[in-house]
Amino acid sequence: MQRKTQKKQINIEIGDHIRQARENAGLTQERFAEQIDVSPQYISDMERGVVGMSLTTFKNACVVLGVTSDSILFGLHPGNDASTILACVSTLPEKQFRLLEEIIIKYTEAVR
């Protein structure tokens, strides 16, 4: 007789936050799974709260989605959500990334 496992509330919440971030990043479950080296079925199960995830998978998900761990643990917040910018910037070569970082730092210092 198979035992039906009960979903943990924390897995449901985190799964929903992951789904929101994935959709905001414009990734399908299949593409996201490929980028964090898991199966599409695992992504489906995780987003529905059926399974939890390891810290390694959690970290990889945050990097690929360009979001903070806080946004996944506590929810995405409207306002200054930089996930779209982070997703674009994370694909830049190191030299271009550092140049953009310097520009952003100088800009924010100037407008404060």
C-alpha atoms as a PDB file:
ATOM      1  CA  MET A   1       0.000   0.000   0.000  1.00  0.00           C
ATOM      2  CA  GLN A   2       1.441   3.362  -1.039  1.00  0.00           C
ATOM      3  CA  ARG A   3       1.539   6.055   1.592  1.00  0.00           C
ATOM      4  CA  LYS A   4       0.427   9.461   0.405  1.00  0.00           C
ATOM      5  CA  THR A   5       2.957  12.066   1.507  1.00  0.00           C
ATOM      6  CA  GLN A   6       1.647  15.331   2.811  1.00  0.00           C
ATOM      7  CA  LYS A   7       3.016  18.536   1.337  1.00  0.00           C
ATOM      8  CA  LYS A   8       4.895  20.763   3.753  1.00  0.00           C
ATOM      9  CA  GLN A   9       3.690  24.362   3.813  1.00  0.00           C
ATOM     10  CA  ILE A  10       7.246  25.700   3.444  1.00  0.00           C
ATOM     11  CA  ASN A  11       7.760  23.616   0.280  1.00  0.00           C
ATOM     12  CA  ILE A  12       4.497  24.945  -1.163  1.00  0.00           C
ATOM     13  CA  GLU A  13       5.494  28.565  -0.462  1.00  0.00           C
ATOM     14  CA  ILE A  14       9.040  28.201  -1.797  1.00  0.00           C
ATOM     15  CA  GLY A  15       7.787  26.299  -4.826  1.00  0.00           C
ATOM     16  CA  ASP A  16       5.379  29.109  -5.614  1.00  0.00           C
ATOM     17  CA  HIS A  17       8.148  31.707  -5.253  1.00  0.00           C
ATOM     18  CA  ILE A  18      10.404  29.669  -7.543  1.00  0.00           C
ATOM     19  CA  ARG A  19       7.619  29.421 -10.128  1.00  0.00           C
ATOM     20  CA  GLN A  20       7.027  33.190 -10.002  1.00  0.00           C
ATOM     21  CA  ALA A  21      10.751  33.925 -10.400  1.00  0.00           C
ATOM     22  CA  ARG A  22      11.083  31.390 -13.233  1.00  0.00           C
ATOM     23  CA  GLU A  23       8.155  32.901 -15.092  1.00  0.00           C
ATOM     24  CA  ASN A  24       9.514  36.430 -14.517  1.00  0.00           C
ATOM     25  CA  ALA A  25      12.819  35.253 -15.992  1.00  0.00           C
ATOM     26  CA  GLY A  26      10.963  33.928 -19.037  1.00  0.00           C
ATOM     27  CA  LEU A  27      12.123  30.346 -18.533  1.00  0.00           C
ATOM     28  CA  THR A  28      10.130  27.198 -19.179  1.00  0.00           C
ATOM     29  CA  GLN A  29      10.314  24.400 -16.631  1.00  0.00           C
ATOM     30  CA  GLU A  30      12.367  22.422 -19.150  1.00  0.00           C
ATOM     31  CA  ARG A  31      14.920  25.187 -19.767  1.00  0.00           C
ATOM     32  CA  PHE A  32      15.188  25.999 -16.064  1.00  0.00           C
ATOM     33  CA  ALA A  33      15.687  22.312 -15.222  1.00  0.00           C
ATOM     34  CA  GLU A  34      18.441  22.084 -17.815  1.00  0.00           C
ATOM     35  CA  GLN A  35      20.223  25.126 -16.397  1.00  0.00           C
ATOM     36  CA  ILE A  36      20.239  23.845 -12.813  1.00  0.00           C
ATOM     37  CA  ASP A  37      20.896  20.238 -13.806  1.00  0.00           C
ATOM     38  CA  VAL A  38      17.679  18.583 -12.606  1.00  0.00           C
ATOM     39  CA  SER A  39      14.766  16.960 -14.426  1.00  0.00           C
ATOM     40  CA  PRO A  40      11.711  18.907 -15.625  1.00  0.00           C
ATOM     41  CA  GLN A  41       9.590  16.574 -13.473  1.00  0.00           C
ATOM     42  CA  TYR A  42      11.599  17.657 -10.416  1.00  0.00           C
ATOM     43  CA  ILE A  43      10.881  21.324 -11.253  1.00  0.00           C
ATOM     44  CA  SER A  44       7.179  20.534 -11.582  1.00  0.00           C
ATOM     45  CA  ASP A  45       7.160  18.661  -8.266  1.00  0.00           C
ATOM     46  CA  MET A  46       9.147  21.387  -6.527  1.00  0.00           C
ATOM     47  CA  GLU A  47       6.912  24.194  -7.788  1.00  0.00           C
ATOM     48  CA  ARG A  48       3.832  22.323  -6.549  1.00  0.00           C
ATOM     49  CA  GLY A  49       5.423  21.745  -3.128  1.00  0.00           C
ATOM     50  CA  VAL A  50       5.583  17.976  -3.544  1.00  0.00           C
ATOM     51  CA  VAL A  51       9.343  17.931  -2.893  1.00  0.00           C
ATOM     52  CA  GLY A  52      11.870  20.207  -1.239  1.00  0.00           C
ATOM     53  CA  MET A  53      15.288  21.049  -2.624  1.00  0.00           C
ATOM     54  CA  SER A  54      18.860  20.739  -1.513  1.00  0.00           C
ATOM     55  CA  LEU A  55      20.925  23.809  -0.694  1.00  0.00           C
ATOM     56  CA  THR A  56      22.975  23.232  -3.839  1.00  0.00           C
ATOM     57  CA  THR A  57      19.859  23.243  -6.006  1.00  0.00           C
ATOM     58  CA  PHE A  58      18.506  26.252  -4.108  1.00  0.00           C
ATOM     59  CA  LYS A  59      21.714  28.206  -4.693  1.00  0.00           C
ATOM     60  CA  ASN A  60      21.829  27.241  -8.387  1.00  0.00           C
ATOM     61  CA  ALA A  61      18.196  28.271  -8.799  1.00  0.00           C
ATOM     62  CA  CYS A  62      18.861  31.704  -7.289  1.00  0.00           C
ATOM     63  CA  VAL A  63      21.864  32.241  -9.570  1.00  0.00           C
ATOM     64  CA  VAL A  64      20.069  31.137 -12.738  1.00  0.00           C
ATOM     65  CA  LEU A  65      16.948  33.145 -11.901  1.00  0.00           C
ATOM     66  CA  GLY A  66      18.970  36.190 -10.866  1.00  0.00           C
ATOM     67  CA  VAL A  67      17.134  36.546  -7.565  1.00  0.00           C
ATOM     68  CA  THR A  68      18.153  36.678  -3.935  1.00  0.00           C
ATOM     69  CA  SER A  69      17.604  33.807  -1.568  1.00  0.00           C
ATOM     70  CA  ASP A  70      15.368  36.125   0.474  1.00  0.00           C
ATOM     71  CA  SER A  71      13.015  36.598  -2.463  1.00  0.00           C
ATOM     72  CA  ILE A  72      12.626  32.832  -2.757  1.00  0.00           C
ATOM     73  CA  LEU A  73      12.313  32.201   0.975  1.00  0.00           C
ATOM     74  CA  PHE A  74      10.049  35.136   1.796  1.00  0.00           C
ATOM     75  CA  GLY A  75       8.443  36.017  -1.538  1.00  0.00           C
ATOM     76  CA  LEU A  76       9.065  38.409  -4.373  1.00  0.00           C
ATOM     77  CA  HIS A  77       8.300  42.002  -3.527  1.00  0.00           C
ATOM     78  CA  PRO A  78       6.991  44.580  -5.947  1.00  0.00           C
ATOM     79  CA  GLY A  79       8.986  47.734  -6.432  1.00  0.00           C
ATOM     80  CA  ASN A  80      12.676  47.622  -7.120  1.00  0.00           C
ATOM     81  CA  ASP A  81      12.748  44.020  -8.298  1.00  0.00           C
ATOM     82  CA  ALA A  82      16.091  43.735 -10.068  1.00  0.00           C
ATOM     83  CA  SER A  83      15.605  40.164 -11.285  1.00  0.00           C
ATOM     84  CA  THR A  84      15.255  41.172 -14.944  1.00  0.00           C
ATOM     85  CA  ILE A  85      18.388  43.317 -14.776  1.00  0.00           C
ATOM     86  CA  LEU A  86      20.272  40.599 -12.921  1.00  0.00           C
ATOM     87  CA  ALA A  87      19.293  38.000 -15.501  1.00  0.00           C
ATOM     88  CA  CYS A  88      20.658  40.198 -18.309  1.00  0.00           C
ATOM     89  CA  VAL A  89      23.816  41.226 -16.486  1.00  0.00           C
ATOM     90  CA  SER A  90      24.688  37.717 -15.308  1.00  0.00           C
ATOM     91  CA  THR A  91      25.367  36.648 -18.893  1.00  0.00           C
ATOM     92  CA  LEU A  92      27.962  39.364 -19.552  1.00  0.00           C
ATOM     93  CA  PRO A  93      31.655  38.487 -19.806  1.00  0.00           C
ATOM     94  CA  GLU A  94      33.637  39.381 -16.667  1.00  0.00           C
ATOM     95  CA  LYS A  95      35.229  42.535 -18.116  1.00  0.00           C
ATOM     96  CA  GLN A  96      31.903  43.972 -19.287  1.00  0.00           C
ATOM     97  CA  PHE A  97      30.236  42.982 -16.009  1.00  0.00           C
ATOM     98  CA  ARG A  98      32.869  44.863 -13.976  1.00  0.00           C
ATOM     99  CA  LEU A  99      32.529  47.948 -16.196  1.00  0.00           C
ATOM    100  CA  LEU A 100      28.754  47.974 -15.772  1.00  0.00           C
ATOM    101  CA  GLU A 101      29.155  47.437 -12.025  1.00  0.00           C
ATOM    102  CA  GLU A 102      31.413  50.509 -11.825  1.00  0.00           C
ATOM    103  CA  ILE A 103      28.928  52.590 -13.821  1.00  0.00           C
ATOM    104  CA  ILE A 104      26.054  51.562 -11.543  1.00  0.00           C
ATOM    105  CA  ILE A 105      28.038  52.324  -8.382  1.00  0.00           C
ATOM    106  CA  LYS A 106      29.016  55.781  -9.674  1.00  0.00           C
ATOM    107  CA  TYR A 107      25.451  56.486 -10.769  1.00  0.00           C
ATOM    108  CA  THR A 108      23.915  55.528  -7.425  1.00  0.00           C
ATOM    109  CA  GLU A 109      26.512  57.588  -5.564  1.00  0.00           C
ATOM    110  CA  ALA A 110      25.671  60.594  -7.754  1.00  0.00           C
ATOM    111  CA  VAL A 111      21.904  60.406  -7.235  1.00  0.00           C
ATOM    112  CA  ARG A 112      21.901  59.855  -3.480  1.00  0.00           C
END
